Amino acid sequence: MALPVASELTQLQRAAQPLRGDAADYDGLLDRIGDARIVLIGESSHGTHEFYRERAAITRRLILELGFTAVAAEADWPDAYRVNRFLRGESADTDAQEALQDFRRFPAWMWRNTDVLAFVEWARAHNRRVRDEHRVGFYGLDLYSLRASMQAVLAYLDRLDPGAARQARARYACFDQFDGDPQVYGLAAAHSGKASCEDDVVTQLVALRARASDYLTRGGRLADDDYFFAEQNAQLVRDAEAYYRAMFRGRVSSWNLRDRHMQQTLQALDRHLSRAGRPVKIVVWAHNPHLGDARATEMQERGEFNLGQLVRMVYPRTSVLVGLFTYAGTVTAASDWDAPAQRVQLRPALPGSYEALFHALDGNFLLRMDHADAAVLALPRLQRAVGVVYRPESERQSHYFTASLQRQFDVVLHFDQTRALKPLELNAAWQEGELPETFPSGM
C-alpha cells in the first residue's frame, strides 16, 4: 500500500479538529451525537491509558450535558453489576477499588486499572448529588462468566424460592464433570460425543421466566432490578454454553455468538432502563473490532458481524460509532493468554495503515466522517487492533485487518503517542518498564 500523498494530507488537515487538552476538545463530537441514544466508544488497544482516560472524559460530558445514564462495557455481567450496585449505593463495598474486585478473570487489568477506578469514583460521587432518575449505572455485555452467572442465579433463587434453587442446582450440575472449566466442556461436547448441557440451561432459563411475576411480587424494594440481574445471568449461561461449544467449530460461529449476545444484552438493558417510559441513553465501551461496523471491514468477507453493525441496524438513526486510534508508544498487554500483564513498546504503525496516515498529520485530533474532506478515508487501508495479547513478532498477521474507515465509524479520535494503562496490581513484569523499540529483534 502506498504512503500518504500530499492531496490526502491536505484533505485530512481541513477535516481534522485538533485536540488541545482543553474543555472544548469534544464539542464537535457532542454536536455529532446530538439526540442519539446509543453511543459506542471503541479503542484500538485494551491497554492504552489515553483511550480509557479520554473515553471516560467524553462519557462524563455525555452524562452531564446530554443526559446519559448507563455505561455498558465489554465486561462480564456479574462483575460489572457489583460496580453498578456500588455506584447506586446498594452494596456493602466501602470504596471503588473494592467494588472492582470481582474482575479477577484474565485480563483483570482491562477493568482493574487506575483510569476505570477514577471514573467509578466520579460516578459514585455524581450519583450522590442527583435524583434517582439521573443516576448512572455500569453494566457488562460479555458472556465469559459461565460459573459466576450460574452462582448468581442460584443465590437469587435461594433467597426467593429454595425449591426452584434445588432444581436449578440439579440442572447446572451438568457442568460439574468438567472441573469448572468451560473450555474443557466445550471441547468435550463438540468432539468427544458427550452430551451437552444445552437442554439443562434452556430449561432453567424458561423456568425462571415462568415464575417472573411471582418473584417480582416477593422481591421487595429492588425486585425489578434484582429479577433483571438474575434473568440476564440465566440468559448468559445459556449463551455461554452455546459459545463454548462453538469455539471448537471455528472462529466465525463463536465470534458471531458473542457479538449477538452483546447486542441482545444491550437491547435488554435498554428495555429495562426505559421501562418507566423515558428512553434511556447508553454509552458502550469496547474494542474497535466489536464497535466499528463489520460491513466496512474484511470481517464481512469471513461471514462475521459485530456489535457495531447490529446497533446500526437496530438503532439506525439514534446511534453513533466512535473509534480511538494511536500510532506508537507503550501498551499494557500479555505475551500469551493468561500470561502476566506487561508494559511493552507498541511498534510504530505499518506504512499504508490509517494510523500511519494520521501520524503524518502530526498531533492528536478528532475527525467527523460526515465532513466532506473525510471522503479520503473511504479508501480501504490497513487498521491495527491490539487485544489483551500483543505479538509484535507477527505484527502484520496478528494485529492488522483491512477496513474502510469512513463507513466503519461516525467519528474517529487519534492520539499519536500513547502510554500503557496502569493496572491496580503492578506485577514485576509490568514494573520492569518499557522494552526498547527494537524488540523483539534486538537490532
Protein backbone atom coordinates (compact mmCIF):
# COMPACT_ATOMS: atom_id res chain seq x y z
CA MET A 1 0.00 0.00 0.00
CA ALA A 2 1.22 3.46 -0.90
CA LEU A 3 2.41 6.10 1.53
CA PRO A 4 0.08 9.08 2.07
CA VAL A 5 0.24 11.63 -0.72
CA ALA A 6 0.10 15.40 -0.32
CA SER A 7 -3.50 15.67 -1.55
CA GLU A 8 -4.71 13.16 1.08
CA LEU A 9 -2.95 15.02 3.86
CA THR A 10 -4.33 18.36 2.68
CA GLN A 11 -7.87 16.99 2.77
CA LEU A 12 -7.41 15.48 6.20
CA GLN A 13 -5.87 18.67 7.58
CA ARG A 14 -9.01 20.51 6.58
CA ALA A 15 -11.22 17.90 8.27
CA ALA A 16 -9.19 17.32 11.45
CA GLN A 17 -10.15 19.17 14.62
CA PRO A 18 -7.07 19.39 16.88
CA LEU A 19 -7.35 18.04 20.42
CA ARG A 20 -5.58 20.53 22.65
CA GLY A 21 -6.44 19.09 26.03
CA ASP A 22 -8.98 21.75 26.95
CA ALA A 23 -12.69 21.79 27.80
CA ALA A 24 -13.77 22.39 24.21
CA ASP A 25 -11.99 19.36 22.72
CA TYR A 26 -15.13 17.27 22.28
CA ASP A 27 -17.64 19.96 21.33
CA GLY A 28 -17.63 18.64 17.77
CA LEU A 29 -18.26 15.11 18.99
CA LEU A 30 -21.18 16.11 21.19
CA ASP A 31 -22.61 18.10 18.30
CA ARG A 32 -22.42 14.97 16.11
CA ILE A 33 -24.03 12.84 18.83
CA GLY A 34 -26.93 15.24 19.23
CA ASP A 35 -30.07 13.30 20.15
CA ALA A 36 -28.51 9.84 19.71
CA ARG A 37 -29.35 7.36 22.48
CA ILE A 38 -26.67 4.73 21.87
CA VAL A 39 -23.04 5.89 21.62
CA LEU A 40 -20.32 3.29 21.07
CA ILE A 41 -16.80 4.40 22.02
CA GLY A 42 -14.09 1.99 20.97
CA GLU A 43 -10.36 1.52 21.43
CA SER A 44 -7.74 0.03 19.15
CA SER A 45 -5.98 -1.43 22.21
CA HIS A 46 -7.25 -2.79 25.52
CA GLY A 47 -4.14 -1.46 27.29
CA THR A 48 -3.77 2.24 26.39
CA HIS A 49 -4.10 4.92 29.09
CA GLU A 50 -5.21 7.73 26.79
CA PHE A 51 -8.08 5.67 25.38
CA TYR A 52 -9.51 4.93 28.82
CA ARG A 53 -8.91 8.45 30.14
CA GLU A 54 -10.45 10.24 27.16
CA ARG A 55 -13.34 7.78 26.83
CA ALA A 56 -14.17 8.48 30.47
CA ALA A 57 -13.90 12.23 29.87
CA ILE A 58 -16.31 12.01 26.94
CA THR A 59 -18.68 9.84 28.96
CA ARG A 60 -18.71 12.37 31.79
CA ARG A 61 -19.77 15.07 29.33
CA LEU A 62 -22.47 12.82 27.89
CA ILE A 63 -23.80 12.26 31.40
CA LEU A 64 -23.67 15.89 32.48
CA GLU A 65 -24.72 17.59 29.23
CA LEU A 66 -26.80 15.08 27.25
CA GLY A 67 -28.48 13.02 29.96
CA PHE A 68 -26.78 9.62 29.50
CA THR A 69 -27.33 7.33 32.49
CA ALA A 70 -25.74 3.96 31.65
CA VAL A 71 -22.31 2.63 30.70
CA ALA A 72 -22.30 -0.85 29.11
CA ALA A 73 -18.82 -2.33 28.82
CA GLU A 74 -17.05 -5.29 27.23
CA ALA A 75 -17.04 -6.86 30.67
CA ASP A 76 -18.71 -9.77 32.43
CA TRP A 77 -22.29 -9.14 33.60
CA PRO A 78 -21.98 -10.20 37.28
CA ASP A 79 -18.63 -8.44 37.79
CA ALA A 80 -19.92 -5.19 36.33
CA TYR A 81 -23.17 -5.42 38.28
CA ARG A 82 -21.22 -5.30 41.53
CA VAL A 83 -19.85 -1.95 40.36
CA ASN A 84 -23.36 -0.88 39.40
CA ARG A 85 -24.63 -1.57 42.90
CA PHE A 86 -21.74 0.38 44.39
CA LEU A 87 -22.49 3.38 42.15
CA ARG A 88 -26.11 3.33 43.30
CA GLY A 89 -25.30 2.95 46.98
CA GLU A 90 -26.79 -0.56 47.12
CA SER A 91 -23.72 -2.60 48.09
CA ALA A 92 -21.53 -3.12 51.15
CA ASP A 93 -18.37 -2.11 49.27
CA THR A 94 -16.60 0.73 51.02
CA ASP A 95 -14.75 2.18 48.03
CA ALA A 96 -14.35 1.89 44.27
CA GLN A 97 -11.32 -0.40 44.44
CA GLU A 98 -13.29 -2.90 46.50
CA ALA A 99 -16.24 -2.67 44.08
CA LEU A 100 -13.92 -3.67 41.23
CA GLN A 101 -12.62 -6.79 42.99
CA ASP A 102 -14.76 -9.27 41.05
CA PHE A 103 -12.74 -8.52 37.92
CA ARG A 104 -10.29 -11.34 38.61
CA ARG A 105 -10.51 -13.29 35.36
CA PHE A 106 -7.77 -12.65 32.79
CA PRO A 107 -7.33 -9.88 31.70
CA ALA A 108 -8.07 -8.21 35.04
CA TRP A 109 -6.26 -5.00 34.03
CA MET A 110 -8.94 -4.20 31.44
CA TRP A 111 -11.19 -3.04 34.27
CA ARG A 112 -8.97 -3.09 37.34
CA ASN A 113 -6.86 -0.08 36.36
CA THR A 114 -6.37 3.46 37.55
CA ASP A 115 -8.49 5.07 34.82
CA VAL A 116 -11.57 2.91 35.43
CA LEU A 117 -11.08 3.42 39.17
CA ALA A 118 -11.15 7.20 38.69
CA PHE A 119 -14.34 7.00 36.62
CA VAL A 120 -16.10 4.77 39.15
CA GLU A 121 -15.16 7.19 41.94
CA TRP A 122 -16.50 10.10 39.90
CA ALA A 123 -19.75 8.29 39.02
CA ARG A 124 -20.37 7.34 42.66
CA ALA A 125 -19.93 11.00 43.71
CA HIS A 126 -22.16 12.14 40.82
CA ASN A 127 -24.93 9.74 41.84
CA ARG A 128 -24.91 11.11 45.36
CA ARG A 129 -25.67 14.60 44.00
CA VAL A 130 -28.55 13.80 41.63
CA ARG A 131 -32.07 12.41 41.76
CA ASP A 132 -32.68 8.69 41.23
CA GLU A 133 -33.68 9.03 37.57
CA HIS A 134 -30.37 10.75 36.75
CA ARG A 135 -28.10 8.24 38.49
CA VAL A 136 -25.55 6.44 36.35
CA GLY A 137 -25.31 2.64 36.12
CA PHE A 138 -22.48 0.34 34.98
CA TYR A 139 -23.22 -2.95 33.18
CA GLY A 140 -21.37 -5.77 31.41
CA LEU A 141 -22.14 -7.08 27.93
CA ASP A 142 -19.81 -10.08 27.65
CA LEU A 143 -20.50 -13.79 28.16
CA TYR A 144 -17.41 -15.38 29.69
CA SER A 145 -18.82 -15.60 33.24
CA LEU A 146 -20.48 -19.01 32.94
CA ARG A 147 -19.71 -20.15 36.50
CA ALA A 148 -20.22 -16.76 38.16
CA SER A 149 -23.56 -16.32 36.40
CA MET A 150 -24.76 -19.76 37.50
CA GLN A 151 -23.87 -18.87 41.08
CA ALA A 152 -25.75 -15.58 40.77
CA VAL A 153 -28.90 -17.36 39.56
CA LEU A 154 -28.67 -19.84 42.43
CA ALA A 155 -28.16 -17.06 45.01
CA TYR A 156 -31.25 -15.26 43.72
CA LEU A 157 -33.39 -18.41 43.89
CA ASP A 158 -32.02 -19.40 47.31
CA ARG A 159 -33.44 -16.14 48.64
CA LEU A 160 -36.85 -16.25 46.93
CA ASP A 161 -37.60 -19.87 46.04
CA PRO A 162 -35.46 -22.60 47.68
CA GLY A 163 -37.32 -25.36 45.83
CA ALA A 164 -36.54 -23.78 42.47
CA ALA A 165 -32.95 -23.31 43.63
CA ARG A 166 -32.60 -27.07 44.20
CA GLN A 167 -33.93 -27.74 40.70
CA ALA A 168 -31.54 -25.17 39.24
CA ARG A 169 -28.57 -26.79 41.02
CA ALA A 170 -29.52 -30.14 39.55
CA ARG A 171 -29.64 -28.66 36.06
CA TYR A 172 -26.40 -26.71 36.37
CA ALA A 173 -24.68 -29.79 37.86
CA CYS A 174 -24.35 -30.95 34.26
CA PHE A 175 -21.14 -28.88 34.12
CA ASP A 176 -19.58 -30.38 37.26
CA GLN A 177 -17.89 -33.25 35.42
CA PHE A 178 -15.71 -30.72 33.56
CA ASP A 179 -13.96 -29.34 36.68
CA GLY A 180 -15.45 -25.91 36.26
CA ASP A 181 -13.57 -25.23 33.03
CA PRO A 182 -15.97 -24.11 30.27
CA GLN A 183 -13.39 -24.70 27.55
CA VAL A 184 -12.98 -28.31 28.66
CA TYR A 185 -16.76 -28.60 28.50
CA GLY A 186 -16.86 -27.08 25.01
CA LEU A 187 -14.18 -29.42 23.70
CA ALA A 188 -15.87 -32.47 25.19
CA ALA A 189 -19.32 -31.51 23.90
CA ALA A 190 -18.00 -30.76 20.43
CA HIS A 191 -15.67 -33.69 19.87
CA SER A 192 -15.91 -36.44 22.46
CA GLY A 193 -19.53 -37.40 21.91
CA LYS A 194 -20.51 -36.41 25.44
CA ALA A 195 -23.99 -35.00 25.77
CA SER A 196 -24.14 -31.22 26.00
CA CYS A 197 -25.75 -29.19 28.78
CA GLU A 198 -27.83 -27.21 26.29
CA ASP A 199 -31.21 -28.62 27.34
CA ASP A 200 -30.47 -28.02 31.01
CA VAL A 201 -29.57 -24.34 30.65
CA VAL A 202 -32.50 -23.64 28.32
CA THR A 203 -34.90 -25.35 30.74
CA GLN A 204 -33.54 -23.28 33.61
CA LEU A 205 -33.99 -20.00 31.75
CA VAL A 206 -37.57 -20.92 30.80
CA ALA A 207 -38.34 -21.94 34.40
CA LEU A 208 -37.03 -18.64 35.78
CA ARG A 209 -39.09 -16.63 33.32
CA ALA A 210 -42.20 -18.65 34.07
CA ARG A 211 -42.08 -17.51 37.72
CA ALA A 212 -41.22 -13.88 36.93
CA SER A 213 -44.45 -12.31 38.17
CA ASP A 214 -44.25 -14.24 41.44
CA TYR A 215 -40.63 -13.25 42.04
CA LEU A 216 -41.35 -9.61 41.22
CA THR A 217 -44.18 -9.62 43.78
CA ARG A 218 -41.99 -11.11 46.51
CA GLY A 219 -38.73 -9.38 45.69
CA GLY A 220 -39.04 -6.22 47.78
CA ARG A 221 -37.89 -2.68 47.01
CA LEU A 222 -35.36 -3.69 44.34
CA ALA A 223 -37.46 -6.50 42.86
CA ASP A 224 -37.31 -5.25 39.25
CA ASP A 225 -33.55 -4.78 39.23
CA ASP A 226 -32.84 -8.00 41.11
CA TYR A 227 -35.00 -10.08 38.77
CA PHE A 228 -33.44 -8.44 35.72
CA PHE A 229 -29.96 -9.21 37.06
CA ALA A 230 -30.91 -12.86 37.64
CA GLU A 231 -32.65 -13.26 34.28
CA GLN A 232 -29.67 -11.83 32.43
CA ASN A 233 -27.39 -14.23 34.26
CA ALA A 234 -29.61 -17.16 33.25
CA GLN A 235 -29.61 -15.88 29.66
CA LEU A 236 -25.83 -15.54 29.81
CA VAL A 237 -25.45 -19.14 30.99
CA ARG A 238 -27.47 -20.30 28.00
CA ASP A 239 -25.48 -18.17 25.55
CA ALA A 240 -22.12 -19.04 27.12
CA GLU A 241 -22.90 -22.75 26.87
CA ALA A 242 -23.51 -22.30 23.15
CA TYR A 243 -20.41 -20.11 22.79
CA TYR A 244 -18.03 -22.63 24.37
CA ARG A 245 -19.36 -25.40 22.14
CA ALA A 246 -18.99 -23.12 19.10
CA MET A 247 -15.35 -22.29 19.97
CA PHE A 248 -14.28 -25.63 18.59
CA ARG A 249 -16.25 -25.29 15.36
CA GLY A 250 -14.32 -22.23 14.18
CA ARG A 251 -13.82 -18.54 14.83
CA VAL A 252 -16.76 -17.24 12.79
CA SER A 253 -19.52 -19.01 14.69
CA SER A 254 -18.08 -18.19 18.15
CA TRP A 255 -17.39 -14.54 17.24
CA ASN A 256 -20.94 -14.09 15.94
CA LEU A 257 -22.46 -15.74 19.00
CA ARG A 258 -20.51 -13.44 21.29
CA ASP A 259 -21.39 -10.21 19.49
CA ARG A 260 -25.01 -11.28 19.11
CA HIS A 261 -25.11 -11.84 22.88
CA MET A 262 -23.67 -8.36 23.47
CA GLN A 263 -26.28 -6.81 21.17
CA GLN A 264 -29.15 -8.69 22.82
CA THR A 265 -27.88 -7.74 26.28
CA LEU A 266 -27.68 -4.10 25.21
CA GLN A 267 -31.26 -4.22 23.94
CA ALA A 268 -32.46 -5.93 27.12
CA LEU A 269 -30.73 -3.24 29.16
CA ASP A 270 -32.36 -0.55 27.01
CA ARG A 271 -35.81 -2.05 27.59
CA HIS A 272 -35.24 -2.47 31.32
CA LEU A 273 -33.94 1.04 31.93
CA SER A 274 -36.60 2.58 29.66
CA ARG A 275 -39.49 0.74 31.35
CA ALA A 276 -40.80 3.89 33.05
CA GLY A 277 -41.45 5.43 29.63
CA ARG A 278 -38.37 7.65 29.37
CA PRO A 279 -35.92 6.27 26.75
CA VAL A 280 -32.52 5.68 28.31
CA LYS A 281 -29.23 6.85 26.80
CA ILE A 282 -26.38 4.33 26.92
CA VAL A 283 -22.62 4.60 26.31
CA VAL A 284 -20.84 1.40 25.22
CA TRP A 285 -17.12 0.81 25.90
CA ALA A 286 -15.42 -1.97 23.92
CA HIS A 287 -12.68 -2.84 21.42
CA ASN A 288 -12.79 -1.19 17.99
CA PRO A 289 -13.32 -4.54 16.18
CA HIS A 290 -16.54 -5.00 18.15
CA LEU A 291 -17.83 -1.45 17.70
CA GLY A 292 -16.84 -0.42 14.16
CA ASP A 293 -19.37 -1.61 11.59
CA ALA A 294 -18.14 -5.03 10.38
CA ARG A 295 -19.71 -4.45 6.96
CA ALA A 296 -16.93 -1.93 6.26
CA THR A 297 -14.15 -4.42 7.04
CA GLU A 298 -12.77 -7.74 5.86
CA MET A 299 -14.77 -9.36 8.66
CA GLN A 300 -17.81 -9.38 6.38
CA GLU A 301 -15.92 -11.48 3.83
CA ARG A 302 -15.40 -14.13 6.52
CA GLY A 303 -19.08 -14.13 7.41
CA GLU A 304 -18.63 -12.24 10.67
CA PHE A 305 -20.84 -9.48 12.02
CA ASN A 306 -20.30 -7.39 15.16
CA LEU A 307 -21.98 -5.24 17.77
CA GLY A 308 -21.46 -2.01 15.83
CA GLN A 309 -23.17 -3.40 12.74
CA LEU A 310 -26.07 -4.77 14.78
CA VAL A 311 -26.51 -1.49 16.68
CA ARG A 312 -26.69 0.45 13.41
CA MET A 313 -29.34 -1.98 12.18
CA VAL A 314 -31.43 -1.80 15.38
CA TYR A 315 -30.88 1.93 16.08
CA PRO A 316 -30.31 3.33 12.57
CA ARG A 317 -30.96 6.99 13.41
CA THR A 318 -30.11 7.09 17.10
CA SER A 319 -26.63 5.55 17.31
CA VAL A 320 -23.11 6.97 16.85
CA LEU A 321 -19.95 4.88 16.48
CA VAL A 322 -16.62 6.34 17.69
CA GLY A 323 -13.20 4.75 17.14
CA LEU A 324 -9.96 5.57 19.01
CA PHE A 325 -6.53 5.10 17.40
CA THR A 326 -2.82 5.56 18.10
CA TYR A 327 0.42 5.44 16.14
CA ALA A 328 3.05 4.33 18.70
CA GLY A 329 4.07 4.39 22.36
CA THR A 330 3.68 1.78 25.07
CA VAL A 331 0.81 -0.57 25.84
CA THR A 332 -0.25 -2.94 28.61
CA ALA A 333 -0.69 -6.44 27.20
CA ALA A 334 0.29 -10.06 27.75
CA SER A 335 2.59 -12.20 25.61
CA ASP A 336 0.02 -15.01 25.64
CA TRP A 337 -3.38 -15.84 27.08
CA ASP A 338 -3.31 -15.97 30.91
CA ALA A 339 0.26 -14.60 30.97
CA PRO A 340 1.16 -11.67 33.26
CA ALA A 341 0.42 -8.12 32.14
CA GLN A 342 3.47 -6.31 30.77
CA ARG A 343 4.24 -2.75 29.78
CA VAL A 344 5.66 -3.16 26.28
CA GLN A 345 6.66 -1.00 23.37
CA LEU A 346 3.91 -0.55 20.77
CA ARG A 347 5.62 -0.55 17.41
CA PRO A 348 5.03 2.37 15.06
CA ALA A 349 2.07 1.59 12.80
CA LEU A 350 2.82 -0.04 9.45
CA PRO A 351 3.13 2.08 6.29
CA GLY A 352 -0.14 2.04 4.37
CA SER A 353 -2.26 1.95 7.52
CA TYR A 354 -4.76 4.54 8.69
CA GLU A 355 -2.56 5.07 11.75
CA ALA A 356 0.47 5.89 9.60
CA LEU A 357 -1.66 8.30 7.57
CA PHE A 358 -2.81 10.01 10.77
CA HIS A 359 0.76 10.17 12.09
CA ALA A 360 1.72 12.21 9.04
CA LEU A 361 -0.73 14.90 10.21
CA ASP A 362 1.22 15.30 13.47
CA GLY A 363 -0.60 15.51 16.78
CA ASN A 364 -3.93 14.48 18.30
CA PHE A 365 -7.21 15.24 16.56
CA LEU A 366 -10.88 14.42 16.00
CA LEU A 367 -12.31 13.55 12.58
CA ARG A 368 -16.01 13.50 11.78
CA MET A 369 -16.77 11.15 8.93
CA ASP A 370 -19.56 13.41 7.67
CA HIS A 371 -17.01 16.12 6.82
CA ALA A 372 -16.66 16.46 3.04
CA ASP A 373 -12.87 16.08 3.19
CA ALA A 374 -13.11 12.85 5.17
CA ALA A 375 -14.04 11.10 1.92
CA VAL A 376 -10.38 10.15 1.54
CA LEU A 377 -10.94 7.71 4.42
CA ALA A 378 -13.37 5.67 2.34
CA LEU A 379 -10.43 4.00 0.59
CA PRO A 380 -9.59 0.62 2.17
CA ARG A 381 -6.41 0.59 4.25
CA LEU A 382 -4.82 -1.46 6.97
CA GLN A 383 -6.05 -0.83 10.51
CA ARG A 384 -4.45 -2.02 13.75
CA ALA A 385 -6.19 -3.74 16.66
CA VAL A 386 -4.27 -4.91 19.73
CA GLY A 387 -6.26 -7.01 22.14
CA VAL A 388 -5.13 -8.33 25.51
CA VAL A 389 -2.31 -10.27 23.82
CA TYR A 390 0.31 -8.36 21.80
CA ARG A 391 2.61 -10.24 19.42
CA PRO A 392 4.96 -7.73 17.77
CA GLU A 393 6.95 -10.55 16.16
CA SER A 394 3.91 -11.25 13.95
CA GLU A 395 2.56 -7.69 13.86
CA ARG A 396 1.01 -7.74 10.38
CA GLN A 397 -0.68 -11.12 10.73
CA SER A 398 -1.75 -10.77 14.36
CA HIS A 399 -2.89 -7.16 14.62
CA TYR A 400 -3.98 -5.73 11.26
CA PHE A 401 -7.05 -6.03 9.08
CA THR A 402 -8.43 -4.08 6.14
CA ALA A 403 -11.25 -1.60 6.56
CA SER A 404 -12.97 1.42 5.02
CA LEU A 405 -12.80 3.82 7.95
CA GLN A 406 -15.42 6.28 6.74
CA ARG A 407 -18.09 3.57 6.65
CA GLN A 408 -16.83 1.83 9.78
CA PHE A 409 -17.19 4.74 12.25
CA ASP A 410 -19.01 8.06 12.51
CA VAL A 411 -16.19 9.81 14.38
CA VAL A 412 -12.51 8.97 14.86
CA LEU A 413 -10.11 10.19 17.54
CA HIS A 414 -6.35 9.86 17.00
CA PHE A 415 -3.76 10.10 19.78
CA ASP A 416 -0.38 9.92 18.12
CA GLN A 417 1.87 8.84 21.01
CA THR A 418 0.27 6.96 23.88
CA ARG A 419 1.32 5.13 27.01
CA ALA A 420 0.44 1.94 28.82
CA LEU A 421 -2.60 1.62 31.02
CA LYS A 422 -1.65 1.25 34.71
CA PRO A 423 -3.13 -1.85 36.39
CA LEU A 424 -4.20 -1.63 40.03
CA GLU A 425 -1.95 -4.63 40.76
CA LEU A 426 1.56 -3.92 39.48
CA ASN A 427 3.40 -7.19 38.98
CA ALA A 428 7.12 -7.44 38.37
CA ALA A 429 6.68 -7.95 34.62
CA TRP A 430 4.83 -4.62 34.29
CA GLN A 431 7.13 -2.70 36.62
CA GLU A 432 10.27 -3.71 34.76
CA GLY A 433 9.48 -0.92 32.34
CA GLU A 434 9.27 -0.33 28.64
CA LEU A 435 11.01 -2.52 26.11
CA PRO A 436 13.31 -0.92 23.55
CA GLU A 437 11.84 -0.03 20.17
CA THR A 438 13.89 -2.80 18.55
CA PHE A 439 12.00 -5.53 20.45
CA PRO A 440 11.92 -8.41 19.67
CA SER A 441 14.69 -8.43 17.04
CA GLY A 442 17.35 -6.65 19.13
CA MET A 443 18.59 -4.87 16.01
